[in-house]
Amino acid sequence: MTTYKVLIADDHEHAREAIRDILSASSSCEIIGEAVNGIEAVNLAEQLHPDLILMDIHMPECNGLQATRTIKQKLPESKIIILTVSEDSTHLFEALKEGAQGYLLKNTRPNEWDAYIEAVLDGRRISKAFIDDTLSKLMGSEPKEKPPLSSREIEVMKLAASGATNKEISSQLHITENTVKNHLKSVLRKLNIKNRVELARVAYESKWL
């Protein structure tokens, strides 16, 4: 079985400990180093050449996005998953643009971490199956099928996926914020999506934006 070298970059000791606990259950991951800021992450990556870096987005001195950009320029073969507690879709777009292969919410269940990390390490597009399934639900399995989303829901979905707040969507579409919330809830339910981050990932990967 192939063993992958993993570097953890997070400025919070408790977060690093939690990540260590999650990875300890995996026989394919070996933690080779830990960084407490972006600069240290860059330096350790250059020294250790990890297969995977789990990178916190918010760190002192040099944040996770800046570190990701630098590391991918020097070590394009190293895969990077951005870790965050935020569901801000703007961060997702920034992470993908800087070269990250994935974006993982820290409150994701441990068993889902395993599947996500495995997909990245295997070189698969991290959300391809998820995207394909979502597109199928959105467009219908047959061309003549009526899409499950209304035209208004699609408008709201695209704006939300681009990073617009509920207030901004409300202003642009001339509807109330409460109506925006209701449309978003309907979209998430119909497409079986958990949050705006997943919605943004689908939109980005599928080139809707």
N, C-alpha and C. Protein backbone atom coordinates (compact mmCIF):
# COMPACT_ATOMS: atom_id res chain seq x y z
N MET A 1 0.84 -1.20 0.00
CA MET A 1 0.00 0.00 0.00
C MET A 1 0.88 1.25 0.00
N THR A 2 0.52 2.19 -0.84
CA THR A 2 1.28 3.44 -0.92
C THR A 2 1.05 4.29 0.31
N THR A 3 2.14 4.83 0.85
CA THR A 3 2.04 5.74 1.99
C THR A 3 2.34 7.15 1.52
N TYR A 4 1.46 8.07 1.84
CA TYR A 4 1.59 9.46 1.40
C TYR A 4 2.10 10.33 2.53
N LYS A 5 3.04 11.20 2.20
CA LYS A 5 3.62 12.12 3.18
C LYS A 5 2.73 13.36 3.30
N VAL A 6 2.34 13.68 4.53
CA VAL A 6 1.39 14.77 4.77
C VAL A 6 2.01 15.84 5.66
N LEU A 7 1.86 17.08 5.25
CA LEU A 7 2.28 18.23 6.06
C LEU A 7 1.04 18.97 6.53
N ILE A 8 0.98 19.25 7.83
CA ILE A 8 -0.14 19.99 8.42
C ILE A 8 0.30 21.42 8.68
N ALA A 9 -0.52 22.39 8.26
CA ALA A 9 -0.20 23.80 8.50
C ALA A 9 -1.41 24.46 9.15
N ASP A 10 -1.28 24.75 10.44
CA ASP A 10 -2.38 25.40 11.19
C ASP A 10 -1.77 26.04 12.42
N ASP A 11 -2.18 27.27 12.70
CA ASP A 11 -1.57 27.99 13.83
C ASP A 11 -2.18 27.60 15.18
N HIS A 12 -3.22 26.80 15.19
CA HIS A 12 -3.86 26.40 16.45
C HIS A 12 -3.47 24.97 16.81
N GLU A 13 -2.90 24.80 17.98
CA GLU A 13 -2.46 23.48 18.43
C GLU A 13 -3.62 22.49 18.49
N HIS A 14 -4.78 22.95 19.00
CA HIS A 14 -5.93 22.04 19.11
C HIS A 14 -6.38 21.57 17.73
N ALA A 15 -6.31 22.45 16.74
CA ALA A 15 -6.70 22.07 15.38
C ALA A 15 -5.72 21.03 14.83
N ARG A 16 -4.43 21.25 15.06
CA ARG A 16 -3.43 20.29 14.58
C ARG A 16 -3.61 18.94 15.26
N GLU A 17 -3.93 18.98 16.55
CA GLU A 17 -4.16 17.74 17.29
C GLU A 17 -5.37 17.00 16.72
N ALA A 18 -6.43 17.73 16.40
CA ALA A 18 -7.63 17.10 15.84
C ALA A 18 -7.33 16.47 14.47
N ILE A 19 -6.53 17.18 13.67
CA ILE A 19 -6.16 16.64 12.36
C ILE A 19 -5.30 15.39 12.52
N ARG A 20 -4.37 15.43 13.49
CA ARG A 20 -3.54 14.25 13.74
C ARG A 20 -4.41 13.05 14.11
N ASP A 21 -5.43 13.29 14.93
CA ASP A 21 -6.32 12.21 15.36
C ASP A 21 -7.07 11.62 14.16
N ILE A 22 -7.52 12.50 13.27
CA ILE A 22 -8.26 12.03 12.09
C ILE A 22 -7.35 11.20 11.19
N LEU A 23 -6.13 11.70 10.96
CA LEU A 23 -5.21 11.00 10.05
C LEU A 23 -4.65 9.72 10.65
N SER A 24 -4.67 9.63 11.98
CA SER A 24 -4.11 8.44 12.63
C SER A 24 -4.89 7.18 12.26
N ALA A 25 -6.13 7.37 11.86
CA ALA A 25 -6.96 6.22 11.47
C ALA A 25 -6.66 5.75 10.06
N SER A 26 -5.87 6.52 9.33
CA SER A 26 -5.55 6.18 7.94
C SER A 26 -4.19 5.51 7.86
N SER A 27 -4.13 4.34 7.24
CA SER A 27 -2.86 3.63 7.09
C SER A 27 -2.05 4.15 5.91
N SER A 28 -2.67 5.04 5.10
CA SER A 28 -1.98 5.53 3.90
C SER A 28 -1.36 6.91 4.09
N CYS A 29 -1.58 7.54 5.26
CA CYS A 29 -1.07 8.89 5.50
C CYS A 29 -0.03 8.90 6.62
N GLU A 30 1.10 9.50 6.33
CA GLU A 30 2.16 9.66 7.33
C GLU A 30 2.44 11.15 7.51
N ILE A 31 2.22 11.66 8.71
CA ILE A 31 2.48 13.06 9.00
C ILE A 31 3.99 13.27 9.13
N ILE A 32 4.54 14.11 8.26
CA ILE A 32 6.00 14.31 8.27
C ILE A 32 6.40 15.67 8.82
N GLY A 33 5.42 16.54 9.10
CA GLY A 33 5.77 17.84 9.64
C GLY A 33 4.54 18.67 9.95
N GLU A 34 4.74 19.68 10.79
CA GLU A 34 3.66 20.59 11.16
C GLU A 34 4.18 22.02 11.15
N ALA A 35 3.40 22.92 10.56
CA ALA A 35 3.76 24.33 10.48
C ALA A 35 2.72 25.16 11.22
N VAL A 36 3.16 26.27 11.81
CA VAL A 36 2.26 27.12 12.58
C VAL A 36 1.93 28.43 11.87
N ASN A 37 2.53 28.64 10.70
CA ASN A 37 2.19 29.82 9.89
C ASN A 37 2.55 29.53 8.44
N GLY A 38 2.17 30.43 7.55
CA GLY A 38 2.38 30.20 6.13
C GLY A 38 3.83 30.15 5.72
N ILE A 39 4.66 30.99 6.33
CA ILE A 39 6.09 31.00 5.99
C ILE A 39 6.73 29.67 6.35
N GLU A 40 6.40 29.17 7.53
CA GLU A 40 6.94 27.87 7.96
C GLU A 40 6.43 26.76 7.04
N ALA A 41 5.17 26.88 6.60
CA ALA A 41 4.61 25.87 5.70
C ALA A 41 5.39 25.82 4.39
N VAL A 42 5.73 26.99 3.86
CA VAL A 42 6.50 27.07 2.62
C VAL A 42 7.88 26.44 2.82
N ASN A 43 8.55 26.81 3.92
CA ASN A 43 9.89 26.30 4.18
C ASN A 43 9.90 24.78 4.37
N LEU A 44 8.94 24.27 5.14
CA LEU A 44 8.88 22.83 5.37
C LEU A 44 8.53 22.08 4.09
N ALA A 45 7.65 22.66 3.29
CA ALA A 45 7.28 22.02 2.03
C ALA A 45 8.50 21.87 1.13
N GLU A 46 9.32 22.91 1.07
CA GLU A 46 10.54 22.86 0.25
C GLU A 46 11.52 21.81 0.77
N GLN A 47 11.58 21.66 2.08
CA GLN A 47 12.51 20.70 2.69
C GLN A 47 12.02 19.26 2.57
N LEU A 48 10.70 19.07 2.79
CA LEU A 48 10.17 17.72 2.95
C LEU A 48 9.46 17.16 1.72
N HIS A 49 9.10 18.02 0.79
CA HIS A 49 8.39 17.59 -0.43
C HIS A 49 7.20 16.67 -0.12
N PRO A 50 6.22 17.17 0.61
CA PRO A 50 5.06 16.34 0.97
C PRO A 50 4.19 16.03 -0.25
N ASP A 51 3.48 14.90 -0.17
CA ASP A 51 2.52 14.56 -1.21
C ASP A 51 1.26 15.41 -1.05
N LEU A 52 0.94 15.71 0.22
CA LEU A 52 -0.28 16.47 0.52
C LEU A 52 -0.02 17.46 1.64
N ILE A 53 -0.58 18.65 1.50
CA ILE A 53 -0.52 19.66 2.56
C ILE A 53 -1.94 20.02 2.95
N LEU A 54 -2.25 19.89 4.24
CA LEU A 54 -3.54 20.34 4.79
C LEU A 54 -3.29 21.74 5.35
N MET A 55 -3.82 22.75 4.67
CA MET A 55 -3.44 24.14 4.88
C MET A 55 -4.60 24.97 5.45
N ASP A 56 -4.42 25.45 6.68
CA ASP A 56 -5.41 26.36 7.25
C ASP A 56 -5.41 27.66 6.46
N ILE A 57 -6.57 28.24 6.23
CA ILE A 57 -6.64 29.45 5.41
C ILE A 57 -6.22 30.70 6.16
N HIS A 58 -6.45 30.72 7.49
CA HIS A 58 -6.13 31.91 8.28
C HIS A 58 -4.96 31.62 9.21
N MET A 59 -3.78 32.16 8.86
CA MET A 59 -2.59 31.99 9.69
C MET A 59 -1.81 33.29 9.71
N PRO A 60 -1.04 33.53 10.76
CA PRO A 60 -0.25 34.76 10.86
C PRO A 60 0.94 34.77 9.92
N GLU A 61 1.47 35.96 9.68
CA GLU A 61 2.67 36.20 8.86
C GLU A 61 2.43 35.96 7.37
N CYS A 62 1.85 34.84 7.05
CA CYS A 62 1.57 34.50 5.65
C CYS A 62 0.37 33.55 5.68
N ASN A 63 -0.77 33.97 5.12
CA ASN A 63 -1.96 33.13 5.24
C ASN A 63 -1.91 31.92 4.30
N GLY A 64 -2.90 31.05 4.44
CA GLY A 64 -2.90 29.82 3.68
C GLY A 64 -2.96 29.99 2.18
N LEU A 65 -3.67 31.00 1.72
CA LEU A 65 -3.78 31.25 0.28
C LEU A 65 -2.44 31.72 -0.29
N GLN A 66 -1.77 32.61 0.43
CA GLN A 66 -0.45 33.09 -0.02
C GLN A 66 0.56 31.95 -0.02
N ALA A 67 0.53 31.13 1.02
CA ALA A 67 1.44 30.00 1.10
C ALA A 67 1.16 29.00 -0.02
N THR A 68 -0.11 28.79 -0.31
CA THR A 68 -0.49 27.87 -1.38
C THR A 68 0.07 28.33 -2.71
N ARG A 69 -0.05 29.62 -3.00
CA ARG A 69 0.45 30.17 -4.26
C ARG A 69 1.96 29.92 -4.38
N THR A 70 2.69 30.21 -3.32
CA THR A 70 4.15 30.05 -3.34
C THR A 70 4.55 28.59 -3.49
N ILE A 71 3.90 27.72 -2.73
CA ILE A 71 4.24 26.30 -2.77
C ILE A 71 3.93 25.70 -4.14
N LYS A 72 2.80 26.04 -4.72
CA LYS A 72 2.44 25.47 -6.02
C LYS A 72 3.38 25.93 -7.12
N GLN A 73 3.96 27.12 -6.96
CA GLN A 73 4.94 27.60 -7.93
C GLN A 73 6.24 26.80 -7.84
N LYS A 74 6.60 26.43 -6.61
CA LYS A 74 7.86 25.71 -6.40
C LYS A 74 7.69 24.20 -6.45
N LEU A 75 6.55 23.71 -5.97
CA LEU A 75 6.30 22.27 -5.90
C LEU A 75 4.92 21.95 -6.48
N PRO A 76 4.77 22.06 -7.78
CA PRO A 76 3.45 21.84 -8.38
C PRO A 76 2.90 20.44 -8.17
N GLU A 77 3.80 19.48 -7.89
CA GLU A 77 3.34 18.11 -7.69
C GLU A 77 2.69 17.89 -6.33
N SER A 78 2.97 18.77 -5.35
CA SER A 78 2.36 18.65 -4.03
C SER A 78 0.90 19.09 -4.10
N LYS A 79 0.03 18.27 -3.54
CA LYS A 79 -1.39 18.60 -3.54
C LYS A 79 -1.73 19.33 -2.25
N ILE A 80 -2.66 20.27 -2.35
CA ILE A 80 -3.02 21.10 -1.20
C ILE A 80 -4.53 21.12 -1.00
N ILE A 81 -4.94 20.88 0.23
CA ILE A 81 -6.35 21.03 0.62
C ILE A 81 -6.42 22.17 1.62
N ILE A 82 -7.21 23.18 1.30
CA ILE A 82 -7.40 24.32 2.20
C ILE A 82 -8.41 23.95 3.28
N LEU A 83 -8.07 24.26 4.53
CA LEU A 83 -8.96 23.99 5.66
C LEU A 83 -9.51 25.30 6.21
N THR A 84 -10.79 25.32 6.52
CA THR A 84 -11.40 26.54 7.03
C THR A 84 -12.65 26.22 7.83
N VAL A 85 -13.05 27.16 8.67
CA VAL A 85 -14.31 27.03 9.39
C VAL A 85 -15.40 27.85 8.70
N SER A 86 -14.99 28.60 7.67
CA SER A 86 -15.91 29.52 7.00
C SER A 86 -16.56 28.88 5.79
N GLU A 87 -17.84 29.20 5.55
CA GLU A 87 -18.55 28.74 4.37
C GLU A 87 -18.60 29.84 3.31
N ASP A 88 -17.70 30.80 3.42
CA ASP A 88 -17.65 31.90 2.46
C ASP A 88 -17.17 31.37 1.11
N SER A 89 -18.04 31.42 0.10
CA SER A 89 -17.69 30.86 -1.21
C SER A 89 -16.54 31.63 -1.87
N THR A 90 -16.34 32.88 -1.47
CA THR A 90 -15.24 33.66 -2.04
C THR A 90 -13.90 32.99 -1.75
N HIS A 91 -13.76 32.43 -0.55
CA HIS A 91 -12.53 31.75 -0.18
C HIS A 91 -12.31 30.52 -1.05
N LEU A 92 -13.39 29.84 -1.40
CA LEU A 92 -13.27 28.67 -2.26
C LEU A 92 -12.67 29.06 -3.60
N PHE A 93 -13.20 30.12 -4.22
CA PHE A 93 -12.69 30.55 -5.51
C PHE A 93 -11.22 30.94 -5.42
N GLU A 94 -10.87 31.66 -4.36
CA GLU A 94 -9.48 32.09 -4.20
C GLU A 94 -8.57 30.89 -4.05
N ALA A 95 -9.00 29.89 -3.28
CA ALA A 95 -8.18 28.70 -3.06
C ALA A 95 -7.93 27.96 -4.36
N LEU A 96 -8.96 27.79 -5.17
CA LEU A 96 -8.83 27.08 -6.44
C LEU A 96 -7.94 27.86 -7.41
N LYS A 97 -8.08 29.19 -7.40
CA LYS A 97 -7.26 30.01 -8.30
C LYS A 97 -5.79 29.95 -7.92
N GLU A 98 -5.50 29.78 -6.63
CA GLU A 98 -4.10 29.72 -6.19
C GLU A 98 -3.49 28.34 -6.41
N GLY A 99 -4.31 27.39 -6.85
CA GLY A 99 -3.77 26.07 -7.19
C GLY A 99 -4.14 24.94 -6.26
N ALA A 100 -4.95 25.21 -5.23
CA ALA A 100 -5.35 24.16 -4.31
C ALA A 100 -6.22 23.12 -5.02
N GLN A 101 -6.09 21.87 -4.59
CA GLN A 101 -6.89 20.80 -5.18
C GLN A 101 -8.20 20.56 -4.45
N GLY A 102 -8.33 21.13 -3.25
CA GLY A 102 -9.54 20.90 -2.48
C GLY A 102 -9.77 21.96 -1.44
N TYR A 103 -10.94 21.92 -0.85
CA TYR A 103 -11.37 22.92 0.12
C TYR A 103 -12.26 22.17 1.11
N LEU A 104 -11.83 22.09 2.36
CA LEU A 104 -12.52 21.25 3.33
C LEU A 104 -12.89 22.04 4.57
N LEU A 105 -14.17 21.96 4.94
CA LEU A 105 -14.62 22.61 6.17
C LEU A 105 -14.16 21.78 7.37
N LYS A 106 -13.66 22.45 8.41
CA LYS A 106 -13.10 21.75 9.55
C LYS A 106 -14.16 20.96 10.32
N ASN A 107 -15.41 21.37 10.21
CA ASN A 107 -16.45 20.64 10.94
C ASN A 107 -17.01 19.46 10.16
N THR A 108 -16.36 19.14 9.02
CA THR A 108 -16.76 17.96 8.25
C THR A 108 -16.49 16.71 9.09
N ARG A 109 -17.38 15.73 9.01
CA ARG A 109 -17.21 14.51 9.79
C ARG A 109 -15.93 13.77 9.41
N PRO A 110 -15.25 13.17 10.40
CA PRO A 110 -13.96 12.50 10.15
C PRO A 110 -14.00 11.48 9.02
N ASN A 111 -15.07 10.69 8.90
CA ASN A 111 -15.13 9.69 7.84
C ASN A 111 -15.21 10.33 6.46
N GLU A 112 -15.74 11.56 6.39
CA GLU A 112 -15.80 12.27 5.12
C GLU A 112 -14.44 12.86 4.76
N TRP A 113 -13.62 13.17 5.77
CA TRP A 113 -12.25 13.63 5.52
C TRP A 113 -11.49 12.54 4.76
N ASP A 114 -11.64 11.30 5.20
CA ASP A 114 -10.91 10.20 4.59
C ASP A 114 -11.20 10.09 3.10
N ALA A 115 -12.48 10.12 2.74
CA ALA A 115 -12.88 9.99 1.34
C ALA A 115 -12.37 11.17 0.52
N TYR A 116 -12.44 12.35 1.10
CA TYR A 116 -12.02 13.57 0.41
C TYR A 116 -10.52 13.54 0.15
N ILE A 117 -9.75 13.23 1.19
CA ILE A 117 -8.29 13.18 1.07
C ILE A 117 -7.87 12.09 0.09
N GLU A 118 -8.52 10.94 0.16
CA GLU A 118 -8.19 9.84 -0.74
C GLU A 118 -8.39 10.24 -2.19
N ALA A 119 -9.48 10.97 -2.47
CA ALA A 119 -9.75 11.41 -3.84
C ALA A 119 -8.66 12.35 -4.34
N VAL A 120 -8.21 13.25 -3.48
CA VAL A 120 -7.15 14.19 -3.87
C VAL A 120 -5.84 13.45 -4.12
N LEU A 121 -5.49 12.56 -3.22
CA LEU A 121 -4.23 11.82 -3.35
C LEU A 121 -4.24 10.90 -4.58
N ASP A 122 -5.40 10.41 -4.95
CA ASP A 122 -5.51 9.55 -6.13
C ASP A 122 -5.49 10.35 -7.42
N GLY A 123 -5.48 11.68 -7.29
CA GLY A 123 -5.40 12.52 -8.47
C GLY A 123 -6.72 12.76 -9.17
N ARG A 124 -7.83 12.40 -8.51
CA ARG A 124 -9.14 12.64 -9.12
C ARG A 124 -9.57 14.07 -8.86
N ARG A 125 -10.38 14.61 -9.79
CA ARG A 125 -10.98 15.92 -9.53
C ARG A 125 -11.85 15.73 -8.30
N ILE A 126 -11.60 16.54 -7.29
CA ILE A 126 -12.14 16.28 -5.97
C ILE A 126 -13.66 16.16 -5.94
N SER A 127 -14.34 16.90 -6.75
CA SER A 127 -15.80 16.86 -6.65
C SER A 127 -16.45 16.43 -7.95
N LYS A 128 -15.73 15.68 -8.78
CA LYS A 128 -16.28 15.32 -10.07
C LYS A 128 -17.59 14.53 -9.94
N ALA A 129 -17.58 13.50 -9.08
CA ALA A 129 -18.79 12.71 -8.93
C ALA A 129 -19.92 13.57 -8.37
N PHE A 130 -19.55 14.42 -7.41
CA PHE A 130 -20.55 15.31 -6.81
C PHE A 130 -21.11 16.26 -7.85
N ILE A 131 -20.23 16.83 -8.68
CA ILE A 131 -20.65 17.76 -9.72
C ILE A 131 -21.54 17.08 -10.74
N ASP A 132 -21.09 15.91 -11.22
CA ASP A 132 -21.86 15.19 -12.22
C ASP A 132 -23.26 14.87 -11.71
N ASP A 133 -23.32 14.45 -10.45
CA ASP A 133 -24.61 14.12 -9.86
C ASP A 133 -25.49 15.35 -9.75
N THR A 134 -24.88 16.47 -9.33
CA THR A 134 -25.64 17.70 -9.17
C THR A 134 -26.13 18.23 -10.51
N LEU A 135 -25.26 18.19 -11.52
CA LEU A 135 -25.66 18.64 -12.85
C LEU A 135 -26.82 17.81 -13.38
N SER A 136 -26.75 16.51 -13.12
CA SER A 136 -27.82 15.62 -13.56
C SER A 136 -29.14 16.02 -12.92
N LYS A 137 -29.07 16.35 -11.63
CA LYS A 137 -30.28 16.76 -10.92
C LYS A 137 -30.78 18.10 -11.41
N LEU A 138 -29.85 18.99 -11.72
CA LEU A 138 -30.23 20.32 -12.14
C LEU A 138 -30.86 20.33 -13.52
N MET A 139 -30.21 19.62 -14.45
CA MET A 139 -30.65 19.67 -15.84
C MET A 139 -31.65 18.58 -16.20
N GLY A 140 -31.76 17.55 -15.35
CA GLY A 140 -32.64 16.45 -15.66
C GLY A 140 -31.89 15.40 -16.47
N SER A 141 -32.23 14.15 -16.32
CA SER A 141 -31.51 13.09 -17.02
C SER A 141 -31.81 13.07 -18.49
N GLU A 142 -32.93 13.64 -18.91
CA GLU A 142 -33.28 13.71 -20.32
C GLU A 142 -33.39 15.17 -20.73
N PRO A 143 -32.98 15.54 -21.94
CA PRO A 143 -33.00 16.93 -22.39
C PRO A 143 -34.36 17.59 -22.28
N LYS A 144 -35.43 16.79 -22.42
CA LYS A 144 -36.77 17.38 -22.43
C LYS A 144 -37.33 17.57 -21.03
N GLU A 145 -36.64 17.01 -20.02
CA GLU A 145 -37.14 17.15 -18.67
C GLU A 145 -37.04 18.58 -18.20
N LYS A 146 -38.01 19.00 -17.42
CA LYS A 146 -37.99 20.34 -16.86
C LYS A 146 -36.99 20.38 -15.70
N PRO A 147 -36.04 21.33 -15.70
CA PRO A 147 -35.08 21.43 -14.59
C PRO A 147 -35.82 21.59 -13.27
N PRO A 148 -35.29 21.03 -12.19
CA PRO A 148 -35.96 21.10 -10.90
C PRO A 148 -35.96 22.49 -10.29
N LEU A 149 -35.10 23.39 -10.79
CA LEU A 149 -35.04 24.74 -10.24
C LEU A 149 -35.82 25.71 -11.11
N SER A 150 -36.47 26.65 -10.45
CA SER A 150 -37.17 27.70 -11.19
C SER A 150 -36.14 28.69 -11.73
N SER A 151 -36.55 29.53 -12.66
CA SER A 151 -35.64 30.53 -13.22
C SER A 151 -35.13 31.47 -12.14
N ARG A 152 -35.98 31.82 -11.19
CA ARG A 152 -35.59 32.71 -10.10
C ARG A 152 -34.58 32.01 -9.20
N GLU A 153 -34.80 30.73 -8.92
CA GLU A 153 -33.88 29.99 -8.07
C GLU A 153 -32.50 29.89 -8.73
N ILE A 154 -32.49 29.73 -10.03
CA ILE A 154 -31.21 29.67 -10.76
C ILE A 154 -30.50 31.01 -10.68
N GLU A 155 -31.23 32.11 -10.78
CA GLU A 155 -30.63 33.45 -10.65
C GLU A 155 -29.99 33.61 -9.28
N VAL A 156 -30.76 33.24 -8.25
CA VAL A 156 -30.26 33.35 -6.88
C VAL A 156 -29.05 32.45 -6.67
N MET A 157 -29.12 31.23 -7.21
CA MET A 157 -28.03 30.28 -7.07
C MET A 157 -26.73 30.83 -7.66
N LYS A 158 -26.79 31.38 -8.86
CA LYS A 158 -25.59 31.88 -9.53
C LYS A 158 -24.99 33.05 -8.78
N LEU A 159 -25.83 33.94 -8.27
CA LEU A 159 -25.32 35.09 -7.52
C LEU A 159 -24.68 34.64 -6.20
N ALA A 160 -25.34 33.69 -5.53
CA ALA A 160 -24.80 33.18 -4.27
C ALA A 160 -23.47 32.47 -4.50
N ALA A 161 -23.39 31.71 -5.59
CA ALA A 161 -22.17 30.98 -5.91
C ALA A 161 -21.02 31.91 -6.26
N SER A 162 -21.35 33.09 -6.76
CA SER A 162 -20.30 34.05 -7.13
C SER A 162 -19.79 34.82 -5.92
N GLY A 163 -20.41 34.59 -4.75
CA GLY A 163 -19.93 35.22 -3.53
C GLY A 163 -20.80 36.36 -3.03
N ALA A 164 -21.92 36.63 -3.70
CA ALA A 164 -22.80 37.72 -3.28
C ALA A 164 -23.50 37.36 -1.97
N THR A 165 -23.65 38.36 -1.11
CA THR A 165 -24.37 38.15 0.14
C THR A 165 -25.87 38.17 -0.12
N ASN A 166 -26.63 37.74 0.87
CA ASN A 166 -28.09 37.77 0.73
C ASN A 166 -28.58 39.20 0.48
N LYS A 167 -27.96 40.15 1.15
CA LYS A 167 -28.36 41.56 0.97
C LYS A 167 -28.09 42.02 -0.44
N GLU A 168 -26.93 41.64 -0.99
CA GLU A 168 -26.58 42.04 -2.36
C GLU A 168 -27.50 41.38 -3.38
N ILE A 169 -27.83 40.11 -3.14
CA ILE A 169 -28.76 39.41 -4.03
C ILE A 169 -30.13 40.07 -3.98
N SER A 170 -30.55 40.42 -2.78
CA SER A 170 -31.83 41.09 -2.59
C SER A 170 -31.89 42.38 -3.37
N SER A 171 -30.83 43.16 -3.29
CA SER A 171 -30.78 44.45 -3.98
C SER A 171 -30.76 44.28 -5.50
N GLN A 172 -29.99 43.32 -5.97
CA GLN A 172 -29.85 43.14 -7.41
C GLN A 172 -31.11 42.58 -8.06
N LEU A 173 -31.81 41.69 -7.35
CA LEU A 173 -33.00 41.07 -7.93
C LEU A 173 -34.29 41.75 -7.49
N HIS A 174 -34.17 42.76 -6.62
CA HIS A 174 -35.33 43.53 -6.15
C HIS A 174 -36.34 42.63 -5.44
N ILE A 175 -35.80 41.80 -4.55
CA ILE A 175 -36.64 40.96 -3.71
C ILE A 175 -36.15 41.10 -2.27
N THR A 176 -36.94 40.65 -1.32
CA THR A 176 -36.54 40.79 0.08
C THR A 176 -35.47 39.76 0.45
N GLU A 177 -34.72 40.06 1.50
CA GLU A 177 -33.70 39.13 1.96
C GLU A 177 -34.32 37.82 2.41
N ASN A 178 -35.51 37.90 2.99
CA ASN A 178 -36.20 36.69 3.43
C ASN A 178 -36.54 35.80 2.23
N THR A 179 -36.92 36.44 1.13
CA THR A 179 -37.21 35.68 -0.09
C THR A 179 -35.94 35.03 -0.62
N VAL A 180 -34.83 35.75 -0.56
CA VAL A 180 -33.54 35.19 -0.97
C VAL A 180 -33.23 33.94 -0.14
N LYS A 181 -33.38 34.04 1.17
CA LYS A 181 -33.11 32.91 2.05
C LYS A 181 -33.97 31.71 1.69
N ASN A 182 -35.25 31.97 1.40
CA ASN A 182 -36.16 30.88 1.06
C ASN A 182 -35.75 30.21 -0.25
N HIS A 183 -35.33 31.03 -1.22
CA HIS A 183 -34.89 30.47 -2.50
C HIS A 183 -33.64 29.61 -2.31
N LEU A 184 -32.71 30.10 -1.50
CA LEU A 184 -31.47 29.36 -1.27
C LEU A 184 -31.75 28.03 -0.56
N LYS A 185 -32.64 28.07 0.42
CA LYS A 185 -33.00 26.83 1.11
C LYS A 185 -33.59 25.82 0.14
N SER A 186 -34.41 26.32 -0.78
CA SER A 186 -35.04 25.45 -1.77
C SER A 186 -33.99 24.86 -2.71
N VAL A 187 -33.02 25.70 -3.13
CA VAL A 187 -31.97 25.23 -4.04
C VAL A 187 -31.14 24.15 -3.36
N LEU A 188 -30.71 24.39 -2.13
CA LEU A 188 -29.89 23.42 -1.41
C LEU A 188 -30.63 22.10 -1.23
N ARG A 189 -31.93 22.21 -0.93
CA ARG A 189 -32.73 21.00 -0.73
C ARG A 189 -32.90 20.23 -2.03
N LYS A 190 -33.24 20.92 -3.10
CA LYS A 190 -33.49 20.26 -4.38
C LYS A 190 -32.25 19.60 -4.96
N LEU A 191 -31.10 20.25 -4.77
CA LEU A 191 -29.86 19.72 -5.33
C LEU A 191 -29.07 18.86 -4.34
N ASN A 192 -29.65 18.69 -3.16
CA ASN A 192 -28.99 17.87 -2.12
C ASN A 192 -27.60 18.40 -1.80
N ILE A 193 -27.51 19.73 -1.65
CA ILE A 193 -26.25 20.41 -1.32
C ILE A 193 -26.37 20.91 0.12
N LYS A 194 -25.27 20.82 0.87
CA LYS A 194 -25.33 21.16 2.28
C LYS A 194 -25.17 22.65 2.56
N ASN A 195 -24.37 23.34 1.76
CA ASN A 195 -24.07 24.73 2.09
C ASN A 195 -23.61 25.49 0.85
N ARG A 196 -23.31 26.78 1.04
CA ARG A 196 -22.92 27.65 -0.07
C ARG A 196 -21.55 27.30 -0.64
N VAL A 197 -20.71 26.69 0.18
CA VAL A 197 -19.40 26.28 -0.31
C VAL A 197 -19.55 25.20 -1.38
N GLU A 198 -20.39 24.20 -1.11
CA GLU A 198 -20.63 23.16 -2.10
C GLU A 198 -21.29 23.74 -3.34
N LEU A 199 -22.18 24.68 -3.14
CA LEU A 199 -22.85 25.33 -4.26
C LEU A 199 -21.83 26.07 -5.12
N ALA A 200 -20.91 26.77 -4.47
CA ALA A 200 -19.88 27.52 -5.20
C ALA A 200 -18.94 26.57 -5.93
N ARG A 201 -18.62 25.44 -5.30
CA ARG A 201 -17.72 24.48 -5.93
C ARG A 201 -18.33 23.95 -7.23
N VAL A 202 -19.61 23.61 -7.17
CA VAL A 202 -20.29 23.12 -8.36
C VAL A 202 -20.28 24.16 -9.46
N ALA A 203 -20.61 25.39 -9.10
CA ALA A 203 -20.67 26.47 -10.09
C ALA A 203 -19.30 26.73 -10.70
N TYR A 204 -18.26 26.73 -9.87
CA TYR A 204 -16.91 26.99 -10.36
C TYR A 204 -16.43 25.88 -11.28
N GLU A 205 -16.53 24.63 -10.80
CA GLU A 205 -16.02 23.51 -11.57
C GLU A 205 -16.81 23.31 -12.87
N SER A 206 -18.08 23.67 -12.84
CA SER A 206 -18.94 23.46 -14.02
C SER A 206 -18.95 24.67 -14.94
N LYS A 207 -18.14 25.69 -14.58
CA LYS A 207 -17.99 26.90 -15.41
C LYS A 207 -19.32 27.63 -15.61
N TRP A 208 -20.12 27.66 -14.55
CA TRP A 208 -21.37 28.43 -14.61
C TRP A 208 -21.09 29.91 -14.43
N LEU A 209 -19.94 30.24 -13.82
CA LEU A 209 -19.66 31.64 -13.50
C LEU A 209 -18.71 32.25 -14.51
